[in-house]
Amino acid sequence: MPLKAFRGPKVWLWRWRRNPLKRRGDTLEAWVLLGAWLFTLAAGVVGGLAAARSAEGGLARERAEWRPVVAHVLDRAPGRPGAETETESESGASGGERVWARVGWTVADGSAHTGQARVAAGSKIGTPVAVWTDPEGHLVSRPATAAEARLRSVLIGGLVGLSAAAVPFVAGLVVRGRLERRRMDRWDAEWSRLGPQWGRTIG
């Protein structure tokens, strides 16, 4: 019958203390645990900070490069002017329904562009609408504000940091589990060899 590990009262740092019963495997397990925790902390902090800085830098470039331009509706927008969506009506919003329509705009170099943008329902041809474009003149969403960028970068950094820290943490658990199984196997072998001798010495 395989022996099960006996877990008595928890003693902190017992693997680092001098003990005549401590085996070589206990010391090895201590170093594995220490290495796993150090790599987990380092991977989480470094990965999280790098991801947060990269995300914040990308959002800062968007704020600097993306520009608002005035586009004009090219085709009459579907819907009834001033109509409200069910959600807006319930919430008391007065912005009216927004629908997709084809719009056109001109960039700084004079070239004309067209695309789909959200406009008020029932907008007539030629109605001006504000849109955001990138340096190439393509339609983009409104860039994040500085406060929104900080929040997004923190969230992205946290998620990436947790994911990066999980790799060495799980690896440490796997190695520790193998070391513990090997220790249990050795205990089983010792018990199988010494256990029968106890019966002959009693009585």
N, C-alpha and C. Protein backbone atom coordinates (compact mmCIF):
# COMPACT_ATOMS: atom_id res chain seq x y z
N MET A 1 0.86 -1.20 0.00
CA MET A 1 0.00 0.00 0.00
C MET A 1 0.89 1.23 0.00
N PRO A 2 0.75 2.12 -0.95
CA PRO A 2 1.63 3.28 -1.03
C PRO A 2 1.44 4.19 0.18
N LEU A 3 2.55 4.75 0.61
CA LEU A 3 2.50 5.70 1.71
C LEU A 3 1.99 7.03 1.22
N LYS A 4 1.30 7.74 2.08
CA LYS A 4 0.83 9.08 1.76
C LYS A 4 1.64 10.07 2.57
N ALA A 5 1.88 11.24 1.97
CA ALA A 5 2.67 12.25 2.65
C ALA A 5 1.95 12.72 3.91
N PHE A 6 2.70 12.75 5.01
CA PHE A 6 2.15 13.24 6.27
C PHE A 6 2.44 14.73 6.37
N ARG A 7 1.39 15.51 6.52
CA ARG A 7 1.55 16.96 6.60
C ARG A 7 1.15 17.41 7.99
N GLY A 8 2.15 17.67 8.81
CA GLY A 8 1.93 18.15 10.16
C GLY A 8 1.79 19.65 10.18
N PRO A 9 2.03 20.25 11.37
CA PRO A 9 1.94 21.72 11.46
C PRO A 9 2.90 22.39 10.49
N LYS A 10 2.43 23.46 9.87
CA LYS A 10 3.25 24.15 8.87
C LYS A 10 4.36 24.91 9.55
N VAL A 11 5.59 24.68 9.10
CA VAL A 11 6.76 25.38 9.63
C VAL A 11 7.41 26.12 8.47
N TRP A 12 7.49 27.43 8.58
CA TRP A 12 8.04 28.23 7.50
C TRP A 12 9.54 27.99 7.35
N LEU A 13 9.97 27.90 6.09
CA LEU A 13 11.39 27.80 5.74
C LEU A 13 12.06 26.57 6.36
N TRP A 14 11.29 25.49 6.58
CA TRP A 14 11.91 24.32 7.21
C TRP A 14 12.95 23.67 6.29
N ARG A 15 12.79 23.85 4.99
CA ARG A 15 13.75 23.25 4.07
C ARG A 15 15.12 23.93 4.14
N TRP A 16 15.17 25.14 4.67
CA TRP A 16 16.43 25.86 4.74
C TRP A 16 17.11 25.70 6.11
N ARG A 17 16.47 25.04 7.05
CA ARG A 17 17.04 24.88 8.37
C ARG A 17 17.87 23.60 8.45
N ARG A 18 18.82 23.62 9.36
CA ARG A 18 19.64 22.43 9.57
C ARG A 18 18.81 21.35 10.26
N ASN A 19 18.85 20.18 9.70
CA ASN A 19 18.08 19.07 10.25
C ASN A 19 18.72 17.77 9.79
N PRO A 20 19.07 16.89 10.72
CA PRO A 20 19.71 15.62 10.31
C PRO A 20 18.79 14.74 9.46
N LEU A 21 17.47 14.97 9.54
CA LEU A 21 16.53 14.17 8.75
C LEU A 21 16.28 14.75 7.37
N LYS A 22 16.79 15.94 7.14
CA LYS A 22 16.57 16.56 5.83
C LYS A 22 17.41 15.86 4.78
N ARG A 23 16.77 15.53 3.68
CA ARG A 23 17.47 14.81 2.62
C ARG A 23 17.86 15.75 1.50
N ARG A 24 18.62 15.19 0.58
CA ARG A 24 19.07 15.98 -0.56
C ARG A 24 17.89 16.46 -1.40
N GLY A 25 16.86 15.60 -1.52
CA GLY A 25 15.69 15.98 -2.29
C GLY A 25 14.95 17.17 -1.69
N ASP A 26 14.97 17.28 -0.34
CA ASP A 26 14.32 18.42 0.30
C ASP A 26 15.02 19.73 -0.08
N THR A 27 16.35 19.69 -0.09
CA THR A 27 17.10 20.89 -0.48
C THR A 27 16.83 21.25 -1.94
N LEU A 28 16.80 20.22 -2.81
CA LEU A 28 16.52 20.47 -4.22
C LEU A 28 15.13 21.07 -4.40
N GLU A 29 14.16 20.55 -3.65
CA GLU A 29 12.81 21.09 -3.74
C GLU A 29 12.75 22.53 -3.27
N ALA A 30 13.55 22.86 -2.26
CA ALA A 30 13.60 24.24 -1.76
C ALA A 30 14.11 25.19 -2.83
N TRP A 31 15.15 24.78 -3.53
CA TRP A 31 15.69 25.63 -4.60
C TRP A 31 14.70 25.75 -5.77
N VAL A 32 14.00 24.67 -6.06
CA VAL A 32 13.00 24.72 -7.13
C VAL A 32 11.89 25.70 -6.77
N LEU A 33 11.41 25.66 -5.54
CA LEU A 33 10.36 26.57 -5.11
C LEU A 33 10.84 28.02 -5.15
N LEU A 34 12.07 28.24 -4.67
CA LEU A 34 12.60 29.60 -4.68
C LEU A 34 12.74 30.12 -6.11
N GLY A 35 13.29 29.29 -6.99
CA GLY A 35 13.44 29.70 -8.38
C GLY A 35 12.10 29.97 -9.05
N ALA A 36 11.11 29.11 -8.76
CA ALA A 36 9.79 29.29 -9.37
C ALA A 36 9.16 30.61 -8.92
N TRP A 37 9.26 30.93 -7.64
CA TRP A 37 8.69 32.18 -7.14
C TRP A 37 9.41 33.39 -7.72
N LEU A 38 10.74 33.32 -7.80
CA LEU A 38 11.49 34.45 -8.35
C LEU A 38 11.15 34.67 -9.82
N PHE A 39 11.11 33.58 -10.60
CA PHE A 39 10.77 33.71 -12.02
C PHE A 39 9.33 34.17 -12.20
N THR A 40 8.42 33.70 -11.33
CA THR A 40 7.03 34.14 -11.40
C THR A 40 6.92 35.64 -11.18
N LEU A 41 7.60 36.12 -10.14
CA LEU A 41 7.56 37.55 -9.84
C LEU A 41 8.20 38.37 -10.96
N ALA A 42 9.36 37.92 -11.43
CA ALA A 42 10.07 38.67 -12.47
C ALA A 42 9.27 38.68 -13.77
N ALA A 43 8.74 37.53 -14.17
CA ALA A 43 7.98 37.46 -15.42
C ALA A 43 6.72 38.31 -15.34
N GLY A 44 6.03 38.28 -14.21
CA GLY A 44 4.82 39.07 -14.07
C GLY A 44 5.09 40.57 -14.12
N VAL A 45 6.12 41.01 -13.39
CA VAL A 45 6.42 42.44 -13.34
C VAL A 45 6.95 42.94 -14.69
N VAL A 46 7.95 42.24 -15.23
CA VAL A 46 8.56 42.67 -16.49
C VAL A 46 7.55 42.61 -17.64
N GLY A 47 6.83 41.50 -17.74
CA GLY A 47 5.85 41.36 -18.82
C GLY A 47 4.73 42.38 -18.70
N GLY A 48 4.23 42.60 -17.48
CA GLY A 48 3.15 43.56 -17.29
C GLY A 48 3.58 44.98 -17.60
N LEU A 49 4.76 45.39 -17.12
CA LEU A 49 5.24 46.74 -17.39
C LEU A 49 5.50 46.96 -18.88
N ALA A 50 6.10 45.96 -19.53
CA ALA A 50 6.38 46.10 -20.96
C ALA A 50 5.08 46.22 -21.76
N ALA A 51 4.09 45.40 -21.44
CA ALA A 51 2.82 45.47 -22.16
C ALA A 51 2.11 46.79 -21.90
N ALA A 52 2.13 47.26 -20.65
CA ALA A 52 1.47 48.52 -20.33
C ALA A 52 2.12 49.70 -21.05
N ARG A 53 3.45 49.72 -21.07
CA ARG A 53 4.14 50.81 -21.77
C ARG A 53 3.89 50.77 -23.26
N SER A 54 3.88 49.56 -23.83
CA SER A 54 3.62 49.44 -25.27
C SER A 54 2.21 49.90 -25.61
N ALA A 55 1.23 49.49 -24.80
CA ALA A 55 -0.15 49.89 -25.06
C ALA A 55 -0.32 51.40 -24.91
N GLU A 56 0.26 51.97 -23.85
CA GLU A 56 0.12 53.41 -23.64
C GLU A 56 0.83 54.20 -24.75
N GLY A 57 1.99 53.69 -25.20
CA GLY A 57 2.68 54.35 -26.30
C GLY A 57 1.88 54.32 -27.59
N GLY A 58 1.26 53.18 -27.88
CA GLY A 58 0.44 53.08 -29.09
C GLY A 58 -0.77 54.00 -29.04
N LEU A 59 -1.42 54.08 -27.88
CA LEU A 59 -2.57 54.97 -27.76
C LEU A 59 -2.15 56.44 -27.82
N ALA A 60 -0.95 56.75 -27.30
CA ALA A 60 -0.47 58.13 -27.39
C ALA A 60 -0.19 58.51 -28.85
N ARG A 61 0.34 57.57 -29.64
CA ARG A 61 0.57 57.85 -31.06
C ARG A 61 -0.75 58.08 -31.79
N GLU A 62 -1.76 57.31 -31.41
CA GLU A 62 -3.08 57.52 -32.04
C GLU A 62 -3.61 58.92 -31.74
N ARG A 63 -3.47 59.37 -30.49
CA ARG A 63 -3.95 60.70 -30.14
C ARG A 63 -3.19 61.78 -30.92
N ALA A 64 -1.91 61.53 -31.17
CA ALA A 64 -1.10 62.54 -31.85
C ALA A 64 -1.32 62.53 -33.36
N GLU A 65 -1.63 61.37 -33.95
CA GLU A 65 -1.69 61.25 -35.41
C GLU A 65 -3.11 61.32 -35.97
N TRP A 66 -4.08 60.82 -35.22
CA TRP A 66 -5.45 60.80 -35.74
C TRP A 66 -6.07 62.18 -35.62
N ARG A 67 -6.78 62.59 -36.66
CA ARG A 67 -7.35 63.93 -36.71
C ARG A 67 -8.84 63.87 -37.06
N PRO A 68 -9.63 64.79 -36.48
CA PRO A 68 -11.05 64.87 -36.87
C PRO A 68 -11.19 65.67 -38.17
N VAL A 69 -12.07 65.23 -39.05
CA VAL A 69 -12.37 65.95 -40.28
C VAL A 69 -13.88 66.00 -40.45
N VAL A 70 -14.31 66.89 -41.27
CA VAL A 70 -15.75 67.01 -41.55
C VAL A 70 -16.06 66.26 -42.84
N ALA A 71 -16.91 65.26 -42.74
CA ALA A 71 -17.35 64.49 -43.91
C ALA A 71 -18.78 64.89 -44.24
N HIS A 72 -19.24 64.50 -45.40
CA HIS A 72 -20.60 64.82 -45.83
C HIS A 72 -21.30 63.55 -46.28
N VAL A 73 -22.56 63.46 -45.92
CA VAL A 73 -23.35 62.28 -46.28
C VAL A 73 -23.53 62.24 -47.79
N LEU A 74 -23.23 61.09 -48.40
CA LEU A 74 -23.34 60.93 -49.85
C LEU A 74 -24.68 60.33 -50.26
N ASP A 75 -25.27 59.50 -49.42
CA ASP A 75 -26.58 58.89 -49.70
C ASP A 75 -27.50 59.17 -48.52
N ARG A 76 -28.77 59.39 -48.81
CA ARG A 76 -29.70 59.66 -47.73
C ARG A 76 -29.68 58.50 -46.73
N ALA A 77 -29.54 58.85 -45.46
CA ALA A 77 -29.46 57.82 -44.42
C ALA A 77 -30.83 57.22 -44.18
N PRO A 78 -30.89 55.91 -43.92
CA PRO A 78 -32.19 55.29 -43.64
C PRO A 78 -32.75 55.76 -42.30
N GLY A 79 -34.04 55.55 -42.11
CA GLY A 79 -34.66 55.93 -40.85
C GLY A 79 -35.40 57.24 -40.93
N ARG A 80 -36.03 57.61 -39.83
CA ARG A 80 -36.82 58.84 -39.75
C ARG A 80 -36.05 59.87 -38.95
N PRO A 81 -35.92 61.08 -39.42
CA PRO A 81 -35.19 62.10 -38.67
C PRO A 81 -35.76 62.29 -37.28
N GLY A 82 -34.85 62.32 -36.28
CA GLY A 82 -35.27 62.54 -34.90
C GLY A 82 -35.77 61.30 -34.21
N ALA A 83 -35.77 60.11 -34.90
CA ALA A 83 -36.26 58.89 -34.27
C ALA A 83 -35.30 58.45 -33.18
N GLU A 84 -35.85 57.88 -32.14
CA GLU A 84 -35.05 57.40 -31.02
C GLU A 84 -35.12 55.89 -30.96
N THR A 85 -34.02 55.27 -30.59
CA THR A 85 -34.02 53.84 -30.39
C THR A 85 -34.76 53.53 -29.10
N GLU A 86 -35.18 52.28 -28.93
CA GLU A 86 -35.89 51.87 -27.72
C GLU A 86 -35.04 52.09 -26.48
N THR A 87 -33.73 51.79 -26.59
CA THR A 87 -32.84 51.96 -25.46
C THR A 87 -32.72 53.43 -25.10
N GLU A 88 -32.55 54.30 -26.11
CA GLU A 88 -32.39 55.71 -25.84
C GLU A 88 -33.66 56.29 -25.25
N SER A 89 -34.84 55.80 -25.71
CA SER A 89 -36.10 56.31 -25.19
C SER A 89 -36.26 55.95 -23.72
N GLU A 90 -35.89 54.72 -23.36
CA GLU A 90 -36.02 54.29 -21.97
C GLU A 90 -35.04 55.03 -21.07
N SER A 91 -33.82 55.33 -21.58
CA SER A 91 -32.82 55.99 -20.75
C SER A 91 -32.96 57.50 -20.73
N GLY A 92 -33.84 58.04 -21.57
CA GLY A 92 -34.03 59.49 -21.59
C GLY A 92 -33.03 60.20 -22.46
N ALA A 93 -32.21 59.50 -23.26
CA ALA A 93 -31.23 60.15 -24.12
C ALA A 93 -31.95 60.85 -25.26
N SER A 94 -31.37 61.97 -25.71
CA SER A 94 -32.01 62.76 -26.76
C SER A 94 -31.17 62.83 -28.02
N GLY A 95 -30.16 61.97 -28.15
CA GLY A 95 -29.27 62.04 -29.29
C GLY A 95 -29.88 61.51 -30.56
N GLY A 96 -30.97 60.77 -30.48
CA GLY A 96 -31.60 60.22 -31.65
C GLY A 96 -30.88 58.96 -32.13
N GLU A 97 -31.56 58.27 -33.06
CA GLU A 97 -31.00 57.02 -33.58
C GLU A 97 -29.82 57.30 -34.50
N ARG A 98 -28.79 56.48 -34.41
CA ARG A 98 -27.63 56.60 -35.28
C ARG A 98 -27.60 55.39 -36.20
N VAL A 99 -27.39 55.62 -37.49
CA VAL A 99 -27.38 54.55 -38.48
C VAL A 99 -26.10 54.68 -39.32
N TRP A 100 -25.79 53.59 -40.04
CA TRP A 100 -24.63 53.61 -40.92
C TRP A 100 -25.03 54.22 -42.27
N ALA A 101 -24.15 55.08 -42.77
CA ALA A 101 -24.39 55.70 -44.09
C ALA A 101 -23.05 55.96 -44.76
N ARG A 102 -23.10 56.09 -46.10
CA ARG A 102 -21.88 56.37 -46.85
C ARG A 102 -21.57 57.86 -46.80
N VAL A 103 -20.34 58.18 -46.43
CA VAL A 103 -19.93 59.58 -46.33
C VAL A 103 -18.65 59.77 -47.15
N GLY A 104 -18.36 61.01 -47.47
CA GLY A 104 -17.15 61.34 -48.20
C GLY A 104 -16.43 62.50 -47.55
N TRP A 105 -15.11 62.51 -47.65
CA TRP A 105 -14.31 63.57 -47.05
C TRP A 105 -13.03 63.76 -47.87
N THR A 106 -12.38 64.88 -47.65
CA THR A 106 -11.14 65.21 -48.35
C THR A 106 -10.03 65.40 -47.31
N VAL A 107 -8.88 64.79 -47.56
CA VAL A 107 -7.75 64.89 -46.63
C VAL A 107 -6.86 66.06 -47.03
N ALA A 108 -5.78 66.25 -46.25
CA ALA A 108 -4.93 67.43 -46.43
C ALA A 108 -4.32 67.51 -47.82
N ASP A 109 -4.00 66.37 -48.44
CA ASP A 109 -3.35 66.42 -49.76
C ASP A 109 -4.36 66.63 -50.90
N GLY A 110 -5.65 66.77 -50.55
CA GLY A 110 -6.66 67.03 -51.56
C GLY A 110 -7.34 65.81 -52.12
N SER A 111 -6.91 64.61 -51.73
CA SER A 111 -7.53 63.39 -52.26
C SER A 111 -8.85 63.13 -51.55
N ALA A 112 -9.81 62.62 -52.32
CA ALA A 112 -11.14 62.34 -51.78
C ALA A 112 -11.23 60.90 -51.31
N HIS A 113 -11.96 60.69 -50.23
CA HIS A 113 -12.15 59.35 -49.66
C HIS A 113 -13.62 59.15 -49.33
N THR A 114 -14.04 57.91 -49.34
CA THR A 114 -15.41 57.57 -48.94
C THR A 114 -15.36 56.40 -47.98
N GLY A 115 -16.41 56.28 -47.18
CA GLY A 115 -16.48 55.18 -46.22
C GLY A 115 -17.81 55.19 -45.50
N GLN A 116 -17.98 54.25 -44.60
CA GLN A 116 -19.21 54.12 -43.82
C GLN A 116 -18.99 54.75 -42.44
N ALA A 117 -19.94 55.56 -42.02
CA ALA A 117 -19.86 56.20 -40.71
C ALA A 117 -21.24 56.26 -40.09
N ARG A 118 -21.30 56.42 -38.78
CA ARG A 118 -22.56 56.52 -38.07
C ARG A 118 -23.06 57.96 -38.15
N VAL A 119 -24.28 58.12 -38.63
CA VAL A 119 -24.88 59.46 -38.76
C VAL A 119 -26.29 59.41 -38.16
N ALA A 120 -26.88 60.58 -38.00
CA ALA A 120 -28.25 60.64 -37.51
C ALA A 120 -29.21 60.04 -38.52
N ALA A 121 -30.19 59.31 -38.04
CA ALA A 121 -31.17 58.68 -38.93
C ALA A 121 -31.88 59.73 -39.78
N GLY A 122 -32.02 59.41 -41.04
CA GLY A 122 -32.72 60.31 -41.94
C GLY A 122 -31.90 61.49 -42.43
N SER A 123 -30.58 61.47 -42.21
CA SER A 123 -29.74 62.59 -42.66
C SER A 123 -29.81 62.72 -44.18
N LYS A 124 -29.90 63.96 -44.66
CA LYS A 124 -29.99 64.21 -46.10
C LYS A 124 -28.60 64.22 -46.73
N ILE A 125 -28.57 64.11 -48.05
CA ILE A 125 -27.30 64.18 -48.78
C ILE A 125 -26.66 65.55 -48.55
N GLY A 126 -25.38 65.52 -48.22
CA GLY A 126 -24.66 66.76 -47.96
C GLY A 126 -24.60 67.16 -46.51
N THR A 127 -25.30 66.41 -45.64
CA THR A 127 -25.28 66.74 -44.21
C THR A 127 -23.86 66.54 -43.67
N PRO A 128 -23.29 67.54 -42.98
CA PRO A 128 -21.93 67.36 -42.44
C PRO A 128 -21.94 66.46 -41.20
N VAL A 129 -20.89 65.68 -41.05
CA VAL A 129 -20.74 64.80 -39.90
C VAL A 129 -19.24 64.73 -39.56
N ALA A 130 -18.92 64.77 -38.30
CA ALA A 130 -17.52 64.71 -37.87
C ALA A 130 -17.05 63.26 -37.81
N VAL A 131 -15.90 62.98 -38.41
CA VAL A 131 -15.29 61.65 -38.39
C VAL A 131 -13.81 61.80 -38.04
N TRP A 132 -13.20 60.70 -37.66
CA TRP A 132 -11.77 60.68 -37.35
C TRP A 132 -11.03 59.88 -38.42
N THR A 133 -9.84 60.36 -38.81
CA THR A 133 -9.05 59.67 -39.82
C THR A 133 -7.61 59.53 -39.35
N ASP A 134 -6.93 58.50 -39.90
CA ASP A 134 -5.52 58.30 -39.60
C ASP A 134 -4.67 59.09 -40.60
N PRO A 135 -3.34 59.07 -40.51
CA PRO A 135 -2.51 59.85 -41.45
C PRO A 135 -2.72 59.49 -42.91
N GLU A 136 -3.18 58.27 -43.21
CA GLU A 136 -3.45 57.88 -44.59
C GLU A 136 -4.84 58.29 -45.06
N GLY A 137 -5.63 58.88 -44.17
CA GLY A 137 -6.97 59.32 -44.55
C GLY A 137 -8.05 58.29 -44.36
N HIS A 138 -7.75 57.15 -43.72
CA HIS A 138 -8.75 56.11 -43.51
C HIS A 138 -9.55 56.41 -42.25
N LEU A 139 -10.80 55.97 -42.27
CA LEU A 139 -11.66 56.17 -41.12
C LEU A 139 -11.18 55.34 -39.93
N VAL A 140 -11.19 55.95 -38.76
CA VAL A 140 -10.84 55.26 -37.51
C VAL A 140 -11.83 55.70 -36.44
N SER A 141 -11.80 55.02 -35.32
CA SER A 141 -12.64 55.42 -34.20
C SER A 141 -12.00 56.58 -33.46
N ARG A 142 -12.75 57.22 -32.60
CA ARG A 142 -12.20 58.32 -31.82
C ARG A 142 -11.07 57.80 -30.93
N PRO A 143 -9.92 58.45 -30.92
CA PRO A 143 -8.81 57.96 -30.09
C PRO A 143 -9.13 58.07 -28.60
N ALA A 144 -8.52 57.21 -27.82
CA ALA A 144 -8.75 57.23 -26.38
C ALA A 144 -8.13 58.48 -25.76
N THR A 145 -8.80 59.02 -24.76
CA THR A 145 -8.23 60.15 -24.04
C THR A 145 -7.07 59.67 -23.17
N ALA A 146 -6.34 60.62 -22.59
CA ALA A 146 -5.20 60.24 -21.74
C ALA A 146 -5.65 59.38 -20.57
N ALA A 147 -6.78 59.73 -19.96
CA ALA A 147 -7.28 58.94 -18.83
C ALA A 147 -7.71 57.54 -19.28
N GLU A 148 -8.40 57.47 -20.42
CA GLU A 148 -8.81 56.17 -20.94
C GLU A 148 -7.59 55.33 -21.32
N ALA A 149 -6.57 55.97 -21.87
CA ALA A 149 -5.35 55.24 -22.26
C ALA A 149 -4.66 54.66 -21.03
N ARG A 150 -4.61 55.43 -19.94
CA ARG A 150 -3.98 54.91 -18.72
C ARG A 150 -4.74 53.70 -18.19
N LEU A 151 -6.07 53.80 -18.19
CA LEU A 151 -6.87 52.67 -17.71
C LEU A 151 -6.67 51.44 -18.58
N ARG A 152 -6.70 51.63 -19.90
CA ARG A 152 -6.51 50.49 -20.80
C ARG A 152 -5.13 49.87 -20.63
N SER A 153 -4.10 50.71 -20.51
CA SER A 153 -2.75 50.18 -20.37
C SER A 153 -2.59 49.41 -19.07
N VAL A 154 -3.23 49.89 -18.00
CA VAL A 154 -3.16 49.17 -16.73
C VAL A 154 -3.84 47.81 -16.84
N LEU A 155 -5.01 47.78 -17.48
CA LEU A 155 -5.72 46.51 -17.64
C LEU A 155 -4.93 45.54 -18.52
N ILE A 156 -4.39 46.06 -19.63
CA ILE A 156 -3.61 45.19 -20.52
C ILE A 156 -2.35 44.69 -19.82
N GLY A 157 -1.66 45.60 -19.10
CA GLY A 157 -0.47 45.20 -18.37
C GLY A 157 -0.77 44.16 -17.31
N GLY A 158 -1.90 44.32 -16.62
CA GLY A 158 -2.26 43.34 -15.60
C GLY A 158 -2.54 41.97 -16.19
N LEU A 159 -3.29 41.94 -17.30
CA LEU A 159 -3.60 40.65 -17.94
C LEU A 159 -2.35 39.97 -18.47
N VAL A 160 -1.50 40.76 -19.15
CA VAL A 160 -0.26 40.17 -19.69
C VAL A 160 0.65 39.73 -18.56
N GLY A 161 0.73 40.53 -17.48
CA GLY A 161 1.58 40.15 -16.36
C GLY A 161 1.13 38.85 -15.71
N LEU A 162 -0.19 38.70 -15.53
CA LEU A 162 -0.70 37.46 -14.95
C LEU A 162 -0.42 36.27 -15.87
N SER A 163 -0.60 36.47 -17.17
CA SER A 163 -0.35 35.37 -18.11
C SER A 163 1.13 34.98 -18.12
N ALA A 164 2.01 35.99 -18.10
CA ALA A 164 3.44 35.70 -18.09
C ALA A 164 3.86 35.03 -16.80
N ALA A 165 3.29 35.45 -15.68
CA ALA A 165 3.66 34.85 -14.39
C ALA A 165 3.15 33.42 -14.26
N ALA A 166 2.07 33.11 -14.97
CA ALA A 166 1.50 31.77 -14.85
C ALA A 166 2.43 30.69 -15.41
N VAL A 167 3.27 31.05 -16.39
CA VAL A 167 4.14 30.04 -17.02
C VAL A 167 5.16 29.48 -16.02
N PRO A 168 6.01 30.30 -15.39
CA PRO A 168 6.95 29.72 -14.43
C PRO A 168 6.26 29.17 -13.19
N PHE A 169 5.11 29.75 -12.81
CA PHE A 169 4.41 29.25 -11.63
C PHE A 169 3.93 27.81 -11.85
N VAL A 170 3.29 27.58 -12.99
CA VAL A 170 2.80 26.23 -13.31
C VAL A 170 3.97 25.27 -13.48
N ALA A 171 5.05 25.75 -14.13
CA ALA A 171 6.22 24.89 -14.30
C ALA A 171 6.81 24.48 -12.96
N GLY A 172 6.86 25.42 -12.01
CA GLY A 172 7.35 25.10 -10.68
C GLY A 172 6.47 24.09 -9.97
N LEU A 173 5.15 24.22 -10.13
CA LEU A 173 4.25 23.25 -9.51
C LEU A 173 4.44 21.85 -10.11
N VAL A 174 4.66 21.80 -11.42
CA VAL A 174 4.85 20.50 -12.07
C VAL A 174 6.14 19.84 -11.57
N VAL A 175 7.22 20.62 -11.52
CA VAL A 175 8.50 20.06 -11.05
C VAL A 175 8.39 19.63 -9.60
N ARG A 176 7.75 20.45 -8.77
CA ARG A 176 7.60 20.09 -7.36
C ARG A 176 6.78 18.81 -7.21
N GLY A 177 5.71 18.68 -8.02
CA GLY A 177 4.91 17.47 -7.95
C GLY A 177 5.71 16.22 -8.31
N ARG A 178 6.56 16.35 -9.31
CA ARG A 178 7.39 15.19 -9.68
C ARG A 178 8.38 14.85 -8.58
N LEU A 179 8.97 15.87 -7.97
CA LEU A 179 9.90 15.61 -6.87
C LEU A 179 9.19 14.95 -5.69
N GLU A 180 7.97 15.39 -5.41
CA GLU A 180 7.23 14.80 -4.30
C GLU A 180 6.84 13.36 -4.61
N ARG A 181 6.44 13.09 -5.86
CA ARG A 181 6.12 11.70 -6.22
C ARG A 181 7.35 10.81 -6.11
N ARG A 182 8.49 11.33 -6.54
CA ARG A 182 9.72 10.54 -6.43
C ARG A 182 10.07 10.28 -4.97
N ARG A 183 9.83 11.27 -4.11
CA ARG A 183 10.10 11.07 -2.69
C ARG A 183 9.17 10.01 -2.09
N MET A 184 7.89 10.04 -2.49
CA MET A 184 6.95 9.04 -2.02
C MET A 184 7.34 7.64 -2.50
N ASP A 185 7.83 7.54 -3.74
CA ASP A 185 8.26 6.24 -4.25
C ASP A 185 9.44 5.70 -3.44
N ARG A 186 10.35 6.57 -3.08
CA ARG A 186 11.49 6.14 -2.27
C ARG A 186 11.04 5.70 -0.88
N TRP A 187 10.08 6.43 -0.31
CA TRP A 187 9.56 6.01 0.99
C TRP A 187 8.89 4.65 0.90
N ASP A 188 8.13 4.43 -0.19
CA ASP A 188 7.49 3.13 -0.38
C ASP A 188 8.53 2.02 -0.47
N ALA A 189 9.62 2.31 -1.20
CA ALA A 189 10.67 1.28 -1.34
C ALA A 189 11.32 1.00 0.02
N GLU A 190 11.59 2.03 0.80
CA GLU A 190 12.20 1.83 2.12
C GLU A 190 11.25 1.08 3.04
N TRP A 191 9.98 1.42 2.98
CA TRP A 191 9.01 0.74 3.83
C TRP A 191 8.88 -0.73 3.45
N SER A 192 8.89 -1.01 2.16
CA SER A 192 8.81 -2.41 1.72
C SER A 192 10.02 -3.20 2.18
N ARG A 193 11.17 -2.55 2.29
CA ARG A 193 12.38 -3.25 2.70
C ARG A 193 12.48 -3.40 4.22
N LEU A 194 12.10 -2.35 4.96
CA LEU A 194 12.27 -2.37 6.41
C LEU A 194 11.03 -2.78 7.17
N GLY A 195 9.86 -2.60 6.58
CA GLY A 195 8.62 -2.90 7.28
C GLY A 195 8.53 -4.33 7.76
N PRO A 196 8.81 -5.34 6.92
CA PRO A 196 8.71 -6.75 7.40
C PRO A 196 9.67 -7.06 8.54
N GLN A 197 10.78 -6.36 8.66
CA GLN A 197 11.75 -6.64 9.73
C GLN A 197 11.21 -6.24 11.09
N TRP A 198 10.31 -5.28 11.15
CA TRP A 198 9.75 -4.86 12.43
C TRP A 198 8.94 -5.99 13.07
N GLY A 199 8.23 -6.73 12.24
CA GLY A 199 7.41 -7.84 12.78
C GLY A 199 8.27 -8.92 13.42
N ARG A 200 9.48 -9.15 12.92
CA ARG A 200 10.35 -10.18 13.49
C ARG A 200 11.03 -9.73 14.77
N THR A 201 11.16 -8.42 14.95
CA THR A 201 11.86 -7.94 16.15
C THR A 201 10.93 -7.76 17.33
N ILE A 202 9.59 -7.72 17.07
CA ILE A 202 8.64 -7.56 18.17
C ILE A 202 8.25 -8.94 18.70
N GLY A 203 8.25 -9.07 20.00
CA GLY A 203 7.88 -10.33 20.63
C GLY A 203 9.03 -11.27 20.64
